Amino acid sequence: MERKEFIKSIIMGTAGITTLSAFESFTDALPAQETLMPVLFIGHGSPMNGILDTEFSRRWTKMAEEIPVPKAVLVISAHWFTKGTKITAMDFPKTIHDFGGFPQALFDVKYPAPGNKLLAIETSELVKTTKVELDHDWGLDHGTWTVIRHMYPKANIPVLQLSIDYTKNAQYHYDLAKEIYALRKKGVLIVGSGNIVHNLGLVAWDKLNETEYGFDWAIQINNKFKSLIKEGNDKALINYKDLGSEALLAIPTPEHYLPLLYTLGVKNNKDEVSFFNDKAIGGSLTMTSVKIG
């Protein structure tokens, strides 16, 4: 196999190579870019956004048109909470329907994007503070595929997931993210997928069909979070429990918030920050999303 063909096969996840010693690693086979890939935090909201033409899903599609085409996508999803840190390392990750009570059409969706073993290995070796386990059982959960299928509907770009270790605190996740910063230089799009304000227990179900509806406390804390993000005050965002009762209402459990810290962890001092899909829905949820770089 000629070098050009081999590199192409790596990018498409079909080379079948399982060790770095056999050939060059995935990222070494790709030239470093002059500019860094941007980073995204996506408020993914309801799984139905995965199949419906909504203002949120349309903005995901448009975002993919505005940024460089990535060599691969690495997603930190709110829906893969594990003991220890894992990364998907299979050739073709399965589509996971990790929800209930939705129309059959949502369960019928398959997003057949390839994975990439070499990128999984490369990413695991970038992280020195903990062991990153190569996982062959998970796949792409709805925090990933409901968003990425709108961005890259041809499913021709490798997609991997990095899990969130539920035994660790917020500072740990922010620091771990810094160790994978180098992936931005190699054309890997890093995406955190969750929701900044996410309290299902307080959702106003009768208001979900409204275009925008947020409780006062949800709007106030969401604005506070945005201000801190723009200011680059990552310390306050890491210590979100110190931001008052509104923050605790917004983040009753951390899984939807922690993906934001991963995206902040791979930000540098020169990156510009902007927001999109910046709306509250159902009273206690915000779809606010962040573009870094």
C-alpha atoms as a PDB file:
ATOM      1  CA  MET A   1       0.000   0.000   0.000  1.00  0.00           C
ATOM      2  CA  GLU A   2       1.409   3.374  -1.029  1.00  0.00           C
ATOM      3  CA  ARG A   3       1.841   6.012   1.660  1.00  0.00           C
ATOM      4  CA  LYS A   4      -0.950   8.211   0.258  1.00  0.00           C
ATOM      5  CA  GLU A   5      -3.374   5.287   0.240  1.00  0.00           C
ATOM      6  CA  PHE A   6      -2.306   4.266   3.743  1.00  0.00           C
ATOM      7  CA  ILE A   7      -2.886   7.731   5.185  1.00  0.00           C
ATOM      8  CA  LYS A   8      -6.295   7.826   3.541  1.00  0.00           C
ATOM      9  CA  SER A   9      -7.160   4.450   5.036  1.00  0.00           C
ATOM     10  CA  ILE A  10      -6.143   5.666   8.499  1.00  0.00           C
ATOM     11  CA  ILE A  11      -8.350   8.731   8.184  1.00  0.00           C
ATOM     12  CA  MET A  12     -11.307   6.563   7.168  1.00  0.00           C
ATOM     13  CA  GLY A  13     -10.651   4.155  10.036  1.00  0.00           C
ATOM     14  CA  THR A  14     -10.079   1.155   7.757  1.00  0.00           C
ATOM     15  CA  ALA A  15      -6.378   0.467   8.027  1.00  0.00           C
ATOM     16  CA  GLY A  16      -6.878  -2.200  10.671  1.00  0.00           C
ATOM     17  CA  ILE A  17      -3.660  -1.239  12.451  1.00  0.00           C
ATOM     18  CA  THR A  18      -3.750  -1.751  16.212  1.00  0.00           C
ATOM     19  CA  THR A  19      -0.281  -0.691  17.315  1.00  0.00           C
ATOM     20  CA  LEU A  20       1.607   2.537  16.922  1.00  0.00           C
ATOM     21  CA  SER A  21       4.863   0.692  16.250  1.00  0.00           C
ATOM     22  CA  ALA A  22       3.578  -0.784  12.976  1.00  0.00           C
ATOM     23  CA  PHE A  23       3.272   2.547  11.211  1.00  0.00           C
ATOM     24  CA  GLU A  24       3.104   6.222  12.027  1.00  0.00           C
ATOM     25  CA  SER A  25       0.422   7.246  14.462  1.00  0.00           C
ATOM     26  CA  PHE A  26      -2.768   8.815  13.171  1.00  0.00           C
ATOM     27  CA  THR A  27      -1.842  12.342  14.126  1.00  0.00           C
ATOM     28  CA  ASP A  28       1.791  12.036  13.033  1.00  0.00           C
ATOM     29  CA  ALA A  29       0.522  11.040   9.587  1.00  0.00           C
ATOM     30  CA  LEU A  30      -1.355  14.327   9.411  1.00  0.00           C
ATOM     31  CA  PRO A  31       0.479  17.620   8.896  1.00  0.00           C
ATOM     32  CA  ALA A  32       0.190  20.184  11.664  1.00  0.00           C
ATOM     33  CA  GLN A  33      -2.173  22.986  10.718  1.00  0.00           C
ATOM     34  CA  GLU A  34      -1.191  26.627  10.559  1.00  0.00           C
ATOM     35  CA  THR A  35      -4.252  27.462  12.609  1.00  0.00           C
ATOM     36  CA  LEU A  36      -5.797  25.515  15.467  1.00  0.00           C
ATOM     37  CA  MET A  37      -9.077  23.716  15.029  1.00  0.00           C
ATOM     38  CA  PRO A  38     -11.818  25.496  16.943  1.00  0.00           C
ATOM     39  CA  VAL A  39     -13.478  23.853  19.918  1.00  0.00           C
ATOM     40  CA  LEU A  40     -17.212  23.562  20.505  1.00  0.00           C
ATOM     41  CA  PHE A  41     -19.430  23.138  23.506  1.00  0.00           C
ATOM     42  CA  ILE A  42     -22.865  22.096  22.280  1.00  0.00           C
ATOM     43  CA  GLY A  43     -26.048  22.314  24.305  1.00  0.00           C
ATOM     44  CA  HIS A  44     -27.687  19.200  22.879  1.00  0.00           C
ATOM     45  CA  GLY A  45     -31.058  19.260  24.654  1.00  0.00           C
ATOM     46  CA  SER A  46     -33.719  16.729  23.713  1.00  0.00           C
ATOM     47  CA  PRO A  47     -32.714  13.668  21.672  1.00  0.00           C
ATOM     48  CA  MET A  48     -35.447  14.720  19.220  1.00  0.00           C
ATOM     49  CA  ASN A  49     -33.085  17.418  17.967  1.00  0.00           C
ATOM     50  CA  GLY A  50     -31.276  14.507  16.338  1.00  0.00           C
ATOM     51  CA  ILE A  51     -34.045  13.942  13.791  1.00  0.00           C
ATOM     52  CA  LEU A  52     -36.027  17.179  13.721  1.00  0.00           C
ATOM     53  CA  ASP A  53     -35.347  20.305  11.701  1.00  0.00           C
ATOM     54  CA  THR A  54     -35.140  22.754  14.603  1.00  0.00           C
ATOM     55  CA  GLU A  55     -33.430  26.101  15.019  1.00  0.00           C
ATOM     56  CA  PHE A  56     -30.832  24.288  17.112  1.00  0.00           C
ATOM     57  CA  SER A  57     -30.094  21.483  14.652  1.00  0.00           C
ATOM     58  CA  ARG A  58     -29.984  23.952  11.770  1.00  0.00           C
ATOM     59  CA  ARG A  59     -27.336  25.950  13.627  1.00  0.00           C
ATOM     60  CA  TRP A  60     -25.268  22.771  14.124  1.00  0.00           C
ATOM     61  CA  THR A  61     -25.390  22.196  10.371  1.00  0.00           C
ATOM     62  CA  LYS A  62     -24.376  25.788   9.689  1.00  0.00           C
ATOM     63  CA  MET A  63     -21.528  25.606  12.211  1.00  0.00           C
ATOM     64  CA  ALA A  64     -20.006  22.693  10.322  1.00  0.00           C
ATOM     65  CA  GLU A  65     -20.013  24.857   7.192  1.00  0.00           C
ATOM     66  CA  GLU A  66     -18.283  27.716   9.007  1.00  0.00           C
ATOM     67  CA  ILE A  67     -15.346  25.820  10.491  1.00  0.00           C
ATOM     68  CA  PRO A  68     -12.608  23.797   8.767  1.00  0.00           C
ATOM     69  CA  VAL A  69     -13.478  20.215   7.921  1.00  0.00           C
ATOM     70  CA  PRO A  70     -11.928  18.147  10.724  1.00  0.00           C
ATOM     71  CA  LYS A  71      -9.773  15.076  10.259  1.00  0.00           C
ATOM     72  CA  ALA A  72     -11.670  13.509  13.155  1.00  0.00           C
ATOM     73  CA  VAL A  73     -14.100  14.476  15.912  1.00  0.00           C
ATOM     74  CA  LEU A  74     -13.570  13.741  19.610  1.00  0.00           C
ATOM     75  CA  VAL A  75     -16.678  14.189  21.744  1.00  0.00           C
ATOM     76  CA  ILE A  76     -16.940  14.407  25.522  1.00  0.00           C
ATOM     77  CA  SER A  77     -20.600  13.566  26.089  1.00  0.00           C
ATOM     78  CA  ALA A  78     -22.637  14.015  29.242  1.00  0.00           C
ATOM     79  CA  HIS A  79     -23.992  10.524  28.705  1.00  0.00           C
ATOM     80  CA  TRP A  80     -20.823   8.477  29.128  1.00  0.00           C
ATOM     81  CA  PHE A  81     -20.044   8.558  32.837  1.00  0.00           C
ATOM     82  CA  THR A  82     -17.541   5.879  33.865  1.00  0.00           C
ATOM     83  CA  LYS A  83     -15.238   4.864  36.671  1.00  0.00           C
ATOM     84  CA  GLY A  84     -11.901   5.802  35.188  1.00  0.00           C
ATOM     85  CA  THR A  85     -11.377   7.437  31.817  1.00  0.00           C
ATOM     86  CA  LYS A  86     -12.057   5.578  28.575  1.00  0.00           C
ATOM     87  CA  ILE A  87     -11.927   6.306  24.872  1.00  0.00           C
ATOM     88  CA  THR A  88     -13.755   4.455  22.120  1.00  0.00           C
ATOM     89  CA  ALA A  89     -11.303   2.461  20.033  1.00  0.00           C
ATOM     90  CA  MET A  90     -13.393   0.356  17.677  1.00  0.00           C
ATOM     91  CA  ASP A  91     -13.408   0.586  13.885  1.00  0.00           C
ATOM     92  CA  PHE A  92     -17.130   1.315  13.687  1.00  0.00           C
ATOM     93  CA  PRO A  93     -18.785   2.473  16.919  1.00  0.00           C
ATOM     94  CA  LYS A  94     -22.423   1.481  17.282  1.00  0.00           C
ATOM     95  CA  THR A  95     -25.233   4.015  17.557  1.00  0.00           C
ATOM     96  CA  ILE A  96     -26.533   3.961  21.137  1.00  0.00           C
ATOM     97  CA  HIS A  97     -30.168   4.817  21.871  1.00  0.00           C
ATOM     98  CA  ASP A  98     -29.752   5.652  25.539  1.00  0.00           C
ATOM     99  CA  PHE A  99     -33.215   7.049  26.213  1.00  0.00           C
ATOM    100  CA  GLY A 100     -36.829   5.993  26.434  1.00  0.00           C
ATOM    101  CA  GLY A 101     -40.314   7.227  25.657  1.00  0.00           C
ATOM    102  CA  PHE A 102     -39.541   8.724  22.250  1.00  0.00           C
ATOM    103  CA  PRO A 103     -40.959   7.905  18.803  1.00  0.00           C
ATOM    104  CA  GLN A 104     -39.702   4.788  17.027  1.00  0.00           C
ATOM    105  CA  ALA A 105     -38.172   6.965  14.325  1.00  0.00           C
ATOM    106  CA  LEU A 106     -35.553   8.108  16.815  1.00  0.00           C
ATOM    107  CA  PHE A 107     -34.649   4.543  17.714  1.00  0.00           C
ATOM    108  CA  ASP A 108     -34.350   3.642  14.042  1.00  0.00           C
ATOM    109  CA  VAL A 109     -31.527   6.122  13.470  1.00  0.00           C
ATOM    110  CA  LYS A 110     -28.084   4.710  12.772  1.00  0.00           C
ATOM    111  CA  TYR A 111     -25.086   6.992  12.434  1.00  0.00           C
ATOM    112  CA  PRO A 112     -22.403   4.795  10.819  1.00  0.00           C
ATOM    113  CA  ALA A 113     -19.374   7.049  11.214  1.00  0.00           C
ATOM    114  CA  PRO A 114     -16.075   5.194  11.524  1.00  0.00           C
ATOM    115  CA  GLY A 115     -13.936   5.237  14.625  1.00  0.00           C
ATOM    116  CA  ASN A 116     -10.139   5.253  14.590  1.00  0.00           C
ATOM    117  CA  LYS A 117      -7.989   3.003  16.733  1.00  0.00           C
ATOM    118  CA  LEU A 118      -4.817   4.936  16.123  1.00  0.00           C
ATOM    119  CA  LEU A 119      -6.312   8.233  17.184  1.00  0.00           C
ATOM    120  CA  ALA A 120      -7.660   6.530  20.302  1.00  0.00           C
ATOM    121  CA  ILE A 121      -4.191   5.251  21.125  1.00  0.00           C
ATOM    122  CA  GLU A 122      -2.586   8.603  20.361  1.00  0.00           C
ATOM    123  CA  THR A 123      -5.060  10.403  22.604  1.00  0.00           C
ATOM    124  CA  SER A 124      -4.567   7.940  25.436  1.00  0.00           C
ATOM    125  CA  GLU A 125      -0.808   8.448  25.247  1.00  0.00           C
ATOM    126  CA  LEU A 126      -1.155  12.220  25.414  1.00  0.00           C
ATOM    127  CA  VAL A 127      -2.728  11.885  28.858  1.00  0.00           C
ATOM    128  CA  LYS A 128      -0.034  11.330  31.471  1.00  0.00           C
ATOM    129  CA  THR A 129      -1.921  11.938  34.719  1.00  0.00           C
ATOM    130  CA  THR A 130      -4.178   8.920  34.436  1.00  0.00           C
ATOM    131  CA  LYS A 131      -4.585   5.749  32.425  1.00  0.00           C
ATOM    132  CA  VAL A 132      -7.008   6.101  29.532  1.00  0.00           C
ATOM    133  CA  GLU A 133      -8.535   2.730  28.768  1.00  0.00           C
ATOM    134  CA  LEU A 134      -9.230   1.757  25.156  1.00  0.00           C
ATOM    135  CA  ASP A 135     -12.912   0.803  25.010  1.00  0.00           C
ATOM    136  CA  HIS A 136     -14.522  -1.551  22.486  1.00  0.00           C
ATOM    137  CA  ASP A 137     -18.002  -1.805  24.006  1.00  0.00           C
ATOM    138  CA  TRP A 138     -19.570   1.669  24.114  1.00  0.00           C
ATOM    139  CA  GLY A 139     -20.139   3.547  20.878  1.00  0.00           C
ATOM    140  CA  LEU A 140     -21.772   6.897  20.089  1.00  0.00           C
ATOM    141  CA  ASP A 141     -24.485   7.888  22.565  1.00  0.00           C
ATOM    142  CA  HIS A 142     -27.154  10.485  21.885  1.00  0.00           C
ATOM    143  CA  GLY A 143     -25.008  13.276  23.292  1.00  0.00           C
ATOM    144  CA  THR A 144     -22.805  12.649  20.265  1.00  0.00           C
ATOM    145  CA  TRP A 145     -24.774  11.348  17.299  1.00  0.00           C
ATOM    146  CA  THR A 146     -27.812  13.629  17.618  1.00  0.00           C
ATOM    147  CA  VAL A 147     -25.456  16.566  17.073  1.00  0.00           C
ATOM    148  CA  ILE A 148     -22.756  15.185  14.791  1.00  0.00           C
ATOM    149  CA  ARG A 149     -25.175  13.655  12.269  1.00  0.00           C
ATOM    150  CA  HIS A 150     -26.428  17.178  11.534  1.00  0.00           C
ATOM    151  CA  MET A 151     -22.893  18.505  11.225  1.00  0.00           C
ATOM    152  CA  TYR A 152     -21.497  15.689   9.105  1.00  0.00           C
ATOM    153  CA  PRO A 153     -24.452  13.792   7.607  1.00  0.00           C
ATOM    154  CA  LYS A 154     -22.275  11.729   5.256  1.00  0.00           C
ATOM    155  CA  ALA A 155     -20.780   9.970   8.315  1.00  0.00           C
ATOM    156  CA  ASN A 156     -17.402   9.953   6.570  1.00  0.00           C
ATOM    157  CA  ILE A 157     -15.353  11.545   9.370  1.00  0.00           C
ATOM    158  CA  PRO A 158     -14.055   9.393  12.267  1.00  0.00           C
ATOM    159  CA  VAL A 159     -15.888  10.064  15.539  1.00  0.00           C
ATOM    160  CA  LEU A 160     -14.600   9.031  18.966  1.00  0.00           C
ATOM    161  CA  GLN A 161     -15.874   9.578  22.495  1.00  0.00           C
ATOM    162  CA  LEU A 162     -13.886  10.285  25.635  1.00  0.00           C
ATOM    163  CA  SER A 163     -15.673   9.323  28.846  1.00  0.00           C
ATOM    164  CA  ILE A 164     -16.084  11.364  32.016  1.00  0.00           C
ATOM    165  CA  ASP A 165     -14.752   9.798  35.226  1.00  0.00           C
ATOM    166  CA  TYR A 166     -17.540  10.255  37.780  1.00  0.00           C
ATOM    167  CA  THR A 167     -15.158   9.678  40.696  1.00  0.00           C
ATOM    168  CA  LYS A 168     -13.200  12.884  39.981  1.00  0.00           C
ATOM    169  CA  ASN A 169     -13.883  16.547  40.716  1.00  0.00           C
ATOM    170  CA  ALA A 170     -14.291  19.437  38.288  1.00  0.00           C
ATOM    171  CA  GLN A 171     -10.663  20.564  38.535  1.00  0.00           C
ATOM    172  CA  TYR A 172      -9.501  17.093  37.487  1.00  0.00           C
ATOM    173  CA  HIS A 173     -11.525  17.192  34.272  1.00  0.00           C
ATOM    174  CA  TYR A 174     -10.360  20.680  33.377  1.00  0.00           C
ATOM    175  CA  ASP A 175      -6.734  19.667  33.909  1.00  0.00           C
ATOM    176  CA  LEU A 176      -7.125  16.430  31.952  1.00  0.00           C
ATOM    177  CA  ALA A 177      -8.432  18.399  28.983  1.00  0.00           C
ATOM    178  CA  LYS A 178      -5.238  20.441  28.863  1.00  0.00           C
ATOM    179  CA  GLU A 179      -3.318  17.245  28.109  1.00  0.00           C
ATOM    180  CA  ILE A 180      -5.165  16.689  24.825  1.00  0.00           C
ATOM    181  CA  TYR A 181      -4.656  20.243  23.558  1.00  0.00           C
ATOM    182  CA  ALA A 182      -2.214  18.983  20.911  1.00  0.00           C
ATOM    183  CA  LEU A 183      -5.090  17.355  19.022  1.00  0.00           C
ATOM    184  CA  ARG A 184      -6.271  20.805  17.968  1.00  0.00           C
ATOM    185  CA  LYS A 185      -3.016  21.244  16.050  1.00  0.00           C
ATOM    186  CA  LYS A 186      -3.724  18.101  14.048  1.00  0.00           C
ATOM    187  CA  GLY A 187      -7.182  18.892  12.791  1.00  0.00           C
ATOM    188  CA  VAL A 188      -9.211  17.121  15.459  1.00  0.00           C
ATOM    189  CA  LEU A 189     -12.447  18.848  16.397  1.00  0.00           C
ATOM    190  CA  ILE A 190     -13.004  18.590  20.152  1.00  0.00           C
ATOM    191  CA  VAL A 191     -16.661  18.834  21.154  1.00  0.00           C
ATOM    192  CA  GLY A 192     -18.161  18.942  24.627  1.00  0.00           C
ATOM    193  CA  SER A 193     -21.829  17.946  24.569  1.00  0.00           C
ATOM    194  CA  GLY A 194     -24.130  18.684  27.502  1.00  0.00           C
ATOM    195  CA  ASN A 195     -26.134  21.677  28.745  1.00  0.00           C
ATOM    196  CA  ILE A 196     -24.899  24.530  30.913  1.00  0.00           C
ATOM    197  CA  VAL A 197     -28.206  24.760  32.767  1.00  0.00           C
ATOM    198  CA  HIS A 198     -29.802  21.320  33.076  1.00  0.00           C
ATOM    199  CA  ASN A 199     -32.372  20.568  35.756  1.00  0.00           C
ATOM    200  CA  LEU A 200     -34.894  18.021  34.490  1.00  0.00           C
ATOM    201  CA  GLY A 201     -36.561  17.899  37.884  1.00  0.00           C
ATOM    202  CA  LEU A 202     -37.785  21.479  37.504  1.00  0.00           C
ATOM    203  CA  VAL A 203     -38.727  21.438  33.818  1.00  0.00           C
ATOM    204  CA  ALA A 204     -41.981  23.213  32.966  1.00  0.00           C
ATOM    205  CA  TRP A 205     -43.247  20.482  30.668  1.00  0.00           C
ATOM    206  CA  ASP A 206     -46.226  22.578  29.591  1.00  0.00           C
ATOM    207  CA  LYS A 207     -43.806  25.222  28.256  1.00  0.00           C
ATOM    208  CA  LEU A 208     -41.534  22.965  26.209  1.00  0.00           C
ATOM    209  CA  ASN A 209     -43.295  23.829  22.968  1.00  0.00           C
ATOM    210  CA  GLU A 210     -42.597  27.507  23.451  1.00  0.00           C
ATOM    211  CA  THR A 211     -39.774  28.936  21.350  1.00  0.00           C
ATOM    212  CA  GLU A 212     -38.037  30.294  24.439  1.00  0.00           C
ATOM    213  CA  TYR A 213     -38.904  30.080  28.111  1.00  0.00           C
ATOM    214  CA  GLY A 214     -36.613  30.284  31.123  1.00  0.00           C
ATOM    215  CA  PHE A 215     -37.123  30.756  34.826  1.00  0.00           C
ATOM    216  CA  ASP A 216     -35.533  33.918  36.210  1.00  0.00           C
ATOM    217  CA  TRP A 217     -32.898  31.989  38.124  1.00  0.00           C
ATOM    218  CA  ALA A 218     -31.965  29.961  35.029  1.00  0.00           C
ATOM    219  CA  ILE A 219     -31.539  33.049  32.885  1.00  0.00           C
ATOM    220  CA  GLN A 220     -29.544  34.838  35.587  1.00  0.00           C
ATOM    221  CA  ILE A 221     -27.070  32.008  36.160  1.00  0.00           C
ATOM    222  CA  ASN A 222     -26.762  31.303  32.451  1.00  0.00           C
ATOM    223  CA  ASN A 223     -25.797  34.939  31.913  1.00  0.00           C
ATOM    224  CA  LYS A 224     -23.324  34.651  34.773  1.00  0.00           C
ATOM    225  CA  PHE A 225     -21.743  31.587  33.214  1.00  0.00           C
ATOM    226  CA  LYS A 226     -21.449  33.375  29.871  1.00  0.00           C
ATOM    227  CA  SER A 227     -19.797  36.378  31.493  1.00  0.00           C
ATOM    228  CA  LEU A 228     -17.254  34.156  33.240  1.00  0.00           C
ATOM    229  CA  ILE A 229     -16.532  32.316  30.002  1.00  0.00           C
ATOM    230  CA  LYS A 230     -15.965  35.585  28.124  1.00  0.00           C
ATOM    231  CA  GLU A 231     -13.743  36.884  30.921  1.00  0.00           C
ATOM    232  CA  GLY A 232     -11.681  33.708  30.900  1.00  0.00           C
ATOM    233  CA  ASN A 233     -12.425  33.178  34.583  1.00  0.00           C
ATOM    234  CA  ASP A 234     -12.056  29.417  34.428  1.00  0.00           C
ATOM    235  CA  LYS A 235     -11.363  29.164  38.147  1.00  0.00           C
ATOM    236  CA  ALA A 236     -14.844  30.425  39.009  1.00  0.00           C
ATOM    237  CA  LEU A 237     -16.377  28.057  36.461  1.00  0.00           C
ATOM    238  CA  ILE A 238     -14.461  25.122  37.935  1.00  0.00           C
ATOM    239  CA  ASN A 239     -15.652  26.110  41.412  1.00  0.00           C
ATOM    240  CA  TYR A 240     -19.234  26.567  40.227  1.00  0.00           C
ATOM    241  CA  LYS A 241     -20.643  25.360  43.548  1.00  0.00           C
ATOM    242  CA  ASP A 242     -19.450  28.640  45.062  1.00  0.00           C
ATOM    243  CA  LEU A 243     -21.568  30.731  42.680  1.00  0.00           C
ATOM    244  CA  GLY A 244     -24.699  30.550  44.799  1.00  0.00           C
ATOM    245  CA  SER A 245     -28.023  28.783  44.940  1.00  0.00           C
ATOM    246  CA  GLU A 246     -28.806  29.473  41.261  1.00  0.00           C
ATOM    247  CA  ALA A 247     -25.729  27.523  40.209  1.00  0.00           C
ATOM    248  CA  LEU A 248     -26.765  24.574  42.332  1.00  0.00           C
ATOM    249  CA  LEU A 249     -30.215  24.658  40.729  1.00  0.00           C
ATOM    250  CA  ALA A 250     -28.609  24.799  37.285  1.00  0.00           C
ATOM    251  CA  ILE A 251     -26.247  21.917  38.023  1.00  0.00           C
ATOM    252  CA  PRO A 252     -27.955  19.491  40.428  1.00  0.00           C
ATOM    253  CA  THR A 253     -25.686  16.771  39.015  1.00  0.00           C
ATOM    254  CA  PRO A 254     -22.478  17.532  37.112  1.00  0.00           C
ATOM    255  CA  GLU A 255     -22.613  15.316  34.021  1.00  0.00           C
ATOM    256  CA  HIS A 256     -24.094  17.900  31.632  1.00  0.00           C
ATOM    257  CA  TYR A 257     -21.822  20.677  32.912  1.00  0.00           C
ATOM    258  CA  LEU A 258     -18.454  18.910  32.909  1.00  0.00           C
ATOM    259  CA  PRO A 259     -18.176  18.736  29.086  1.00  0.00           C
ATOM    260  CA  LEU A 260     -17.991  22.557  29.194  1.00  0.00           C
ATOM    261  CA  LEU A 261     -14.878  22.328  31.372  1.00  0.00           C
ATOM    262  CA  TYR A 262     -13.224  20.036  28.835  1.00  0.00           C
ATOM    263  CA  THR A 263     -13.713  22.639  26.125  1.00  0.00           C
ATOM    264  CA  LEU A 264     -12.395  25.405  28.382  1.00  0.00           C
ATOM    265  CA  GLY A 265      -9.395  23.239  29.221  1.00  0.00           C
ATOM    266  CA  VAL A 266      -8.245  23.148  25.596  1.00  0.00           C
ATOM    267  CA  LYS A 267      -8.687  26.899  25.093  1.00  0.00           C
ATOM    268  CA  ASN A 268      -5.650  29.166  24.816  1.00  0.00           C
ATOM    269  CA  ASN A 269      -5.247  32.843  25.618  1.00  0.00           C
ATOM    270  CA  LYS A 270      -5.596  33.921  21.984  1.00  0.00           C
ATOM    271  CA  ASP A 271      -8.851  32.106  21.267  1.00  0.00           C
ATOM    272  CA  GLU A 272     -11.922  34.194  20.639  1.00  0.00           C
ATOM    273  CA  VAL A 273     -15.143  33.057  22.290  1.00  0.00           C
ATOM    274  CA  SER A 274     -18.661  33.378  20.910  1.00  0.00           C
ATOM    275  CA  PHE A 275     -22.072  31.936  21.739  1.00  0.00           C
ATOM    276  CA  PHE A 276     -24.831  30.405  19.635  1.00  0.00           C
ATOM    277  CA  ASN A 277     -28.180  28.668  20.215  1.00  0.00           C
ATOM    278  CA  ASP A 278     -28.342  30.907  23.262  1.00  0.00           C
ATOM    279  CA  LYS A 279     -31.873  30.179  24.463  1.00  0.00           C
ATOM    280  CA  ALA A 280     -33.608  28.832  27.540  1.00  0.00           C
ATOM    281  CA  ILE A 281     -36.290  26.170  27.068  1.00  0.00           C
ATOM    282  CA  GLY A 282     -38.685  24.481  29.450  1.00  0.00           C
ATOM    283  CA  GLY A 283     -37.793  26.889  32.225  1.00  0.00           C
ATOM    284  CA  SER A 284     -34.788  25.030  33.624  1.00  0.00           C
ATOM    285  CA  LEU A 285     -32.706  24.140  30.544  1.00  0.00           C
ATOM    286  CA  THR A 286     -30.467  26.258  28.333  1.00  0.00           C
ATOM    287  CA  MET A 287     -29.255  25.355  24.862  1.00  0.00           C
ATOM    288  CA  THR A 288     -26.437  27.905  25.100  1.00  0.00           C
ATOM    289  CA  SER A 289     -23.444  26.722  23.097  1.00  0.00           C
ATOM    290  CA  VAL A 290     -19.903  28.026  22.851  1.00  0.00           C
ATOM    291  CA  LYS A 291     -17.444  28.330  19.966  1.00  0.00           C
ATOM    292  CA  ILE A 292     -13.800  28.709  20.982  1.00  0.00           C
ATOM    293  CA  GLY A 293     -11.263  29.764  18.395  1.00  0.00           C
END
